[in-house]
Protein backbone atom coordinates (compact mmCIF):
# COMPACT_ATOMS: atom_id res chain seq x y z
CA MET A 1 126.16 63.16 142.64
CA SER A 2 129.11 63.85 144.58
CA GLN A 3 131.36 60.95 145.62
CA GLY A 4 131.63 60.41 149.19
CA PRO A 5 135.04 59.65 151.47
CA ASN A 6 134.36 56.12 150.78
CA GLY A 7 134.39 56.64 147.07
CA VAL A 8 130.34 55.41 147.09
CA VAL A 9 128.40 58.06 144.72
CA GLU A 10 125.88 60.14 146.51
CA SER A 11 122.89 62.00 145.36
CA LEU A 12 122.99 66.04 146.29
CA GLY A 13 120.20 67.01 148.71
CA PRO A 14 117.99 69.59 147.80
CA ALA A 15 119.65 72.34 149.13
CA GLN A 16 122.69 71.31 146.90
CA HIS A 17 120.52 70.47 143.89
CA MET A 18 119.33 74.17 144.15
CA LEU A 19 122.64 75.95 144.65
CA ALA A 20 124.01 73.81 141.66
CA ALA A 21 121.42 74.90 139.57
CA ALA A 22 121.30 78.67 140.38
CA ASN A 23 125.30 78.43 139.65
CA ALA A 24 124.51 77.06 136.28
CA GLY A 25 121.81 79.46 135.38
CA ALA A 26 124.43 82.41 136.36
CA LEU A 27 127.23 80.93 134.27
CA THR A 28 125.18 80.73 131.52
CA LEU A 29 123.44 83.72 131.87
CA LEU A 30 127.11 85.73 132.43
CA VAL A 31 128.24 83.65 128.70
CA THR A 32 125.53 84.15 126.48
CA ASN A 33 124.13 87.28 127.34
CA PRO A 34 126.84 89.03 125.15
CA ILE A 35 125.82 87.06 122.32
CA TRP A 36 122.30 87.98 122.58
CA VAL A 37 123.40 91.76 122.51
CA VAL A 38 125.19 91.32 119.60
CA LYS A 39 122.10 89.32 117.83
CA THR A 40 119.70 91.91 118.66
CA ARG A 41 122.19 95.27 117.98
CA LEU A 42 122.89 93.33 114.26
CA CYS A 43 119.06 92.46 113.41
CA LEU A 44 117.88 96.05 114.63
CA GLN A 45 120.52 98.07 112.48
CA TYR A 46 118.01 97.26 109.41
CA GLU A 47 115.47 98.81 110.80
CA LYS A 48 117.15 102.14 111.68
CA ALA A 49 118.86 103.85 108.52
CA ASP A 50 120.28 106.96 110.00
CA LEU A 51 122.64 105.22 112.63
CA PRO A 52 125.92 106.95 113.98
CA ALA A 53 128.80 105.29 112.35
CA HIS A 54 130.01 103.41 115.49
CA LYS A 55 126.62 101.66 115.90
CA GLN A 56 127.26 100.27 112.21
CA TYR A 57 128.20 96.98 112.29
CA ARG A 58 129.44 94.93 109.78
CA GLY A 59 129.55 91.82 111.22
CA MET A 60 129.51 89.95 115.11
CA MET A 61 133.36 90.56 115.47
CA ASP A 62 133.06 94.15 114.36
CA CYS A 63 129.60 94.51 116.73
CA PHE A 64 131.66 93.04 119.59
CA TYR A 65 134.23 95.41 119.08
CA LYS A 66 132.46 98.40 118.52
CA ILE A 67 130.17 97.60 121.77
CA TYR A 68 133.14 97.22 123.82
CA LYS A 69 135.15 100.41 122.35
CA PHE A 70 132.25 102.77 122.56
CA GLU A 71 130.23 101.63 125.58
CA GLY A 72 132.86 98.91 127.49
CA ILE A 73 132.31 95.90 129.33
CA ARG A 74 128.28 97.00 130.40
CA GLY A 75 127.42 97.54 127.14
CA LEU A 76 127.68 93.89 126.44
CA TYR A 77 125.45 93.37 129.64
CA LYS A 78 122.65 95.61 129.19
CA VAL A 79 119.62 94.55 129.62
CA SER A 80 117.03 94.76 131.85
CA PHE A 81 117.30 91.80 134.84
CA VAL A 82 113.65 91.42 135.35
CA VAL A 83 113.51 90.12 131.57
CA LEU A 84 116.61 87.80 132.03
CA PHE A 85 114.68 86.56 134.91
CA VAL A 86 111.55 85.91 133.08
CA ARG A 87 113.33 84.36 130.13
CA TYR A 88 115.28 82.04 132.01
CA SER A 89 112.44 80.84 134.71
CA SER A 90 110.27 80.53 131.60
CA VAL A 91 112.81 78.00 129.91
CA HIS A 92 113.74 76.08 132.56
CA LEU A 93 109.87 75.99 133.86
CA THR A 94 109.01 74.90 130.47
CA ASP A 95 111.64 72.08 130.00
CA GLN A 96 110.52 70.72 133.68
CA LEU A 97 106.73 70.64 132.87
CA GLY A 98 108.17 68.82 129.14
CA GLY A 99 106.87 71.63 127.03
CA THR A 100 109.04 73.14 124.45
CA VAL A 101 109.70 76.57 124.10
CA GLY A 102 109.04 78.16 120.79
């Protein structure tokens, strides 16, 4: 909803609603993807015993620090865009259909 020039609250049109939803999805992806990368690295480090020192993490902050130090900002966004599209599309579609994601 938006407020018109005369102070009356107006509903968004379909195009504006779609643009707002796309922006919200992009912002969510931008903020949460590094957290998912760190979580995945922390979980997977226990499956491999012979990891180099810069890939052995003591916790979440250590993992963020080492990924940024050794791989740069791109390391925090290292994932296939196809996977991201499928993950977020299925969550939104399931939510709109009234189901649960599990």
